[in-house]
Amino acid sequence: MALFAGQPKHPRPTVDLIIRRGGGVVLIRRRYPPPGWALPGGFVEIGESLEEAAVREGKEETGLKITLERQFHSYSDPARDPRRHTITTVFLADGKGKLQAADDAAAAGIFTRDDLPDPLAFDHARILDDYFEGKY
């Protein structure tokens, strides 16, 4: 596949979280490229389950104590991340505590369907559309 020439032959697993809070969802503004607002999440580390990675990434980027509710859906479009082929598993979650941007997040906020920031990174617009449409 020319799109990712020189990359490993296998996609990397990632996790993303739809943290429901205050009538909206938590998004972070990315500190590093690719730019934009995104669901909290990141790469799964060796020796970590998807669930462990989701809780860790959610806490690292938002400062919240994360409780996973359930898996939402997986997304695997090879072009979903411009850096490399990734497959993400998205979790619905609750977050307790004070929301604060940390780690890879330059800012954090709570947004509703009607006030989503622009641009959204990766395929997160599609993920949020699926969530707000009640898919999966």
C-alpha atoms as a PDB file:
ATOM      1  CA  MET A   1       0.000   0.000   0.000  1.00  0.00           C
ATOM      2  CA  ALA A   2       1.709   3.176  -1.212  1.00  0.00           C
ATOM      3  CA  LEU A   3      -0.152   5.363   1.283  1.00  0.00           C
ATOM      4  CA  PHE A   4       2.036   4.128   4.136  1.00  0.00           C
ATOM      5  CA  ALA A   5       5.263   3.164   2.340  1.00  0.00           C
ATOM      6  CA  GLY A   6       8.009   2.277   4.800  1.00  0.00           C
ATOM      7  CA  GLN A   7       5.560   1.648   7.660  1.00  0.00           C
ATOM      8  CA  PRO A   8       5.266  -1.670   9.521  1.00  0.00           C
ATOM      9  CA  LYS A   9       3.138  -4.302   7.788  1.00  0.00           C
ATOM     10  CA  HIS A  10       0.487  -4.315  10.519  1.00  0.00           C
ATOM     11  CA  PRO A  11      -1.816  -1.565  11.770  1.00  0.00           C
ATOM     12  CA  ARG A  12      -1.346  -0.274  15.324  1.00  0.00           C
ATOM     13  CA  PRO A  13      -4.199  -0.656  17.799  1.00  0.00           C
ATOM     14  CA  THR A  14      -5.507   2.506  19.414  1.00  0.00           C
ATOM     15  CA  VAL A  15      -8.353   3.447  21.722  1.00  0.00           C
ATOM     16  CA  ASP A  16     -10.607   6.487  21.831  1.00  0.00           C
ATOM     17  CA  LEU A  17     -13.135   7.530  24.460  1.00  0.00           C
ATOM     18  CA  ILE A  18     -16.489   9.207  24.250  1.00  0.00           C
ATOM     19  CA  ILE A  19     -16.550  10.622  27.783  1.00  0.00           C
ATOM     20  CA  ARG A  20     -20.083  11.781  28.489  1.00  0.00           C
ATOM     21  CA  ARG A  21     -20.231  14.707  30.849  1.00  0.00           C
ATOM     22  CA  GLY A  22     -22.558  17.610  31.560  1.00  0.00           C
ATOM     23  CA  GLY A  23     -24.839  16.924  28.603  1.00  0.00           C
ATOM     24  CA  GLY A  24     -21.936  16.814  26.157  1.00  0.00           C
ATOM     25  CA  VAL A  25     -18.769  14.932  25.327  1.00  0.00           C
ATOM     26  CA  VAL A  26     -15.178  15.685  26.304  1.00  0.00           C
ATOM     27  CA  LEU A  27     -12.812  16.646  23.494  1.00  0.00           C
ATOM     28  CA  ILE A  28      -9.157  17.649  23.648  1.00  0.00           C
ATOM     29  CA  ARG A  29      -7.264  20.012  21.355  1.00  0.00           C
ATOM     30  CA  ARG A  30      -4.179  18.136  20.218  1.00  0.00           C
ATOM     31  CA  ARG A  31      -0.797  19.469  21.289  1.00  0.00           C
ATOM     32  CA  TYR A  32       1.047  17.644  18.479  1.00  0.00           C
ATOM     33  CA  PRO A  33       0.302  16.976  14.779  1.00  0.00           C
ATOM     34  CA  PRO A  34      -2.041  16.184  13.305  1.00  0.00           C
ATOM     35  CA  PRO A  35      -3.811  19.321  14.543  1.00  0.00           C
ATOM     36  CA  GLY A  36      -7.408  19.669  15.628  1.00  0.00           C
ATOM     37  CA  TRP A  37      -9.812  18.630  18.335  1.00  0.00           C
ATOM     38  CA  ALA A  38     -10.128  14.953  19.127  1.00  0.00           C
ATOM     39  CA  LEU A  39     -11.624  12.365  21.388  1.00  0.00           C
ATOM     40  CA  PRO A  40      -9.207  11.503  24.187  1.00  0.00           C
ATOM     41  CA  GLY A  41      -7.248   8.403  23.283  1.00  0.00           C
ATOM     42  CA  GLY A  42      -4.024   6.974  21.975  1.00  0.00           C
ATOM     43  CA  PHE A  43      -1.917   3.942  21.280  1.00  0.00           C
ATOM     44  CA  VAL A  44      -2.235   0.665  23.175  1.00  0.00           C
ATOM     45  CA  GLU A  45       1.048  -0.215  24.874  1.00  0.00           C
ATOM     46  CA  ILE A  46       2.606  -3.682  24.938  1.00  0.00           C
ATOM     47  CA  GLY A  47       1.128  -5.733  27.800  1.00  0.00           C
ATOM     48  CA  GLU A  48      -1.979  -3.550  28.044  1.00  0.00           C
ATOM     49  CA  SER A  49      -5.573  -4.514  27.344  1.00  0.00           C
ATOM     50  CA  LEU A  50      -7.800  -2.196  25.319  1.00  0.00           C
ATOM     51  CA  GLU A  51      -9.674  -1.330  28.497  1.00  0.00           C
ATOM     52  CA  GLU A  52      -6.489  -0.542  30.426  1.00  0.00           C
ATOM     53  CA  ALA A  53      -5.245   1.651  27.581  1.00  0.00           C
ATOM     54  CA  ALA A  54      -8.552   3.528  27.427  1.00  0.00           C
ATOM     55  CA  VAL A  55      -8.557   4.271  31.162  1.00  0.00           C
ATOM     56  CA  ARG A  56      -4.880   5.327  31.073  1.00  0.00           C
ATOM     57  CA  GLU A  57      -5.205   7.557  27.996  1.00  0.00           C
ATOM     58  CA  GLY A  58      -8.412   9.144  29.258  1.00  0.00           C
ATOM     59  CA  LYS A  59      -6.844  10.031  32.601  1.00  0.00           C
ATOM     60  CA  GLU A  60      -3.562  11.213  31.048  1.00  0.00           C
ATOM     61  CA  GLU A  61      -5.247  13.615  28.639  1.00  0.00           C
ATOM     62  CA  THR A  62      -8.175  14.885  30.740  1.00  0.00           C
ATOM     63  CA  GLY A  63      -7.204  14.422  34.398  1.00  0.00           C
ATOM     64  CA  LEU A  64     -10.515  12.633  34.962  1.00  0.00           C
ATOM     65  CA  LYS A  65     -11.086   9.350  36.799  1.00  0.00           C
ATOM     66  CA  ILE A  66     -12.389   7.198  33.961  1.00  0.00           C
ATOM     67  CA  THR A  67     -15.037   4.510  34.295  1.00  0.00           C
ATOM     68  CA  LEU A  68     -15.694   2.574  31.115  1.00  0.00           C
ATOM     69  CA  GLU A  69     -19.334   1.816  30.340  1.00  0.00           C
ATOM     70  CA  ARG A  70     -18.977  -0.330  27.221  1.00  0.00           C
ATOM     71  CA  GLN A  71     -17.320  -0.673  23.845  1.00  0.00           C
ATOM     72  CA  PHE A  72     -18.986   1.509  21.263  1.00  0.00           C
ATOM     73  CA  HIS A  73     -17.493   0.451  17.915  1.00  0.00           C
ATOM     74  CA  SER A  74     -14.196  -0.141  16.096  1.00  0.00           C
ATOM     75  CA  TYR A  75     -12.989   1.940  13.147  1.00  0.00           C
ATOM     76  CA  SER A  76     -10.392   0.657  10.713  1.00  0.00           C
ATOM     77  CA  ASP A  77     -10.268   2.846   7.589  1.00  0.00           C
ATOM     78  CA  PRO A  78      -6.573   2.746   6.617  1.00  0.00           C
ATOM     79  CA  ALA A  79      -6.662   6.523   6.048  1.00  0.00           C
ATOM     80  CA  ARG A  80      -8.243   7.388   9.448  1.00  0.00           C
ATOM     81  CA  ASP A  81      -4.859   8.542  10.819  1.00  0.00           C
ATOM     82  CA  PRO A  82      -2.526  10.373   8.398  1.00  0.00           C
ATOM     83  CA  ARG A  83       0.559   9.158  10.293  1.00  0.00           C
ATOM     84  CA  ARG A  84       0.000   5.421   9.853  1.00  0.00           C
ATOM     85  CA  HIS A  85      -2.634   2.716   9.572  1.00  0.00           C
ATOM     86  CA  THR A  86      -4.404   2.339  12.915  1.00  0.00           C
ATOM     87  CA  ILE A  87      -7.449   0.479  14.154  1.00  0.00           C
ATOM     88  CA  THR A  88      -9.280   2.099  17.038  1.00  0.00           C
ATOM     89  CA  THR A  89     -11.734   0.685  19.509  1.00  0.00           C
ATOM     90  CA  VAL A  90     -13.991   3.398  20.895  1.00  0.00           C
ATOM     91  CA  PHE A  91     -15.384   3.181  24.421  1.00  0.00           C
ATOM     92  CA  LEU A  92     -18.267   5.018  26.044  1.00  0.00           C
ATOM     93  CA  ALA A  93     -17.099   6.290  29.418  1.00  0.00           C
ATOM     94  CA  ASP A  94     -17.855   8.452  32.413  1.00  0.00           C
ATOM     95  CA  GLY A  95     -15.280  10.837  33.850  1.00  0.00           C
ATOM     96  CA  LYS A  96     -15.262  12.173  37.400  1.00  0.00           C
ATOM     97  CA  GLY A  97     -13.182  15.030  38.773  1.00  0.00           C
ATOM     98  CA  LYS A  98     -11.869  18.296  37.386  1.00  0.00           C
ATOM     99  CA  LEU A  99     -11.418  18.393  33.610  1.00  0.00           C
ATOM    100  CA  GLN A 100      -7.934  19.630  32.745  1.00  0.00           C
ATOM    101  CA  ALA A 101      -5.838  19.279  29.619  1.00  0.00           C
ATOM    102  CA  ALA A 102      -2.649  17.288  30.170  1.00  0.00           C
ATOM    103  CA  ASP A 103      -0.100  15.099  28.368  1.00  0.00           C
ATOM    104  CA  ASP A 104      -0.836  15.327  24.596  1.00  0.00           C
ATOM    105  CA  ALA A 105      -3.748  17.726  25.123  1.00  0.00           C
ATOM    106  CA  ALA A 106      -3.260  21.493  24.809  1.00  0.00           C
ATOM    107  CA  ALA A 107      -6.874  22.209  25.836  1.00  0.00           C
ATOM    108  CA  ALA A 108      -9.968  20.297  26.882  1.00  0.00           C
ATOM    109  CA  GLY A 109     -13.647  21.102  26.798  1.00  0.00           C
ATOM    110  CA  ILE A 110     -17.156  19.721  26.813  1.00  0.00           C
ATOM    111  CA  PHE A 111     -19.103  20.007  23.563  1.00  0.00           C
ATOM    112  CA  THR A 112     -22.574  19.113  22.356  1.00  0.00           C
ATOM    113  CA  ARG A 113     -23.543  18.003  18.882  1.00  0.00           C
ATOM    114  CA  ASP A 114     -24.512  21.609  18.087  1.00  0.00           C
ATOM    115  CA  ASP A 115     -21.240  23.235  19.122  1.00  0.00           C
ATOM    116  CA  LEU A 116     -18.496  20.810  18.040  1.00  0.00           C
ATOM    117  CA  PRO A 117     -15.178  22.589  17.400  1.00  0.00           C
ATOM    118  CA  ASP A 118     -13.493  22.690  14.009  1.00  0.00           C
ATOM    119  CA  PRO A 119     -11.434  20.999  12.817  1.00  0.00           C
ATOM    120  CA  LEU A 120     -11.883  17.546  14.288  1.00  0.00           C
ATOM    121  CA  ALA A 121      -8.814  15.312  13.884  1.00  0.00           C
ATOM    122  CA  PHE A 122      -8.650  11.843  12.372  1.00  0.00           C
ATOM    123  CA  ASP A 123     -12.087  10.312  11.690  1.00  0.00           C
ATOM    124  CA  HIS A 124     -13.549  11.705  14.905  1.00  0.00           C
ATOM    125  CA  ALA A 125     -16.296  13.615  13.068  1.00  0.00           C
ATOM    126  CA  ARG A 126     -17.555  10.270  11.744  1.00  0.00           C
ATOM    127  CA  ILE A 127     -17.284   8.638  15.168  1.00  0.00           C
ATOM    128  CA  LEU A 128     -19.208  11.472  16.794  1.00  0.00           C
ATOM    129  CA  ASP A 129     -21.834  11.404  14.025  1.00  0.00           C
ATOM    130  CA  ASP A 130     -22.314   7.681  14.686  1.00  0.00           C
ATOM    131  CA  TYR A 131     -22.583   8.358  18.422  1.00  0.00           C
ATOM    132  CA  PHE A 132     -25.072  11.227  18.106  1.00  0.00           C
ATOM    133  CA  GLU A 133     -27.122   9.258  15.521  1.00  0.00           C
ATOM    134  CA  GLY A 134     -27.413   6.390  18.010  1.00  0.00           C
ATOM    135  CA  LYS A 135     -25.574   3.873  15.813  1.00  0.00           C
ATOM    136  CA  TYR A 136     -24.056   0.785  17.372  1.00  0.00           C
END
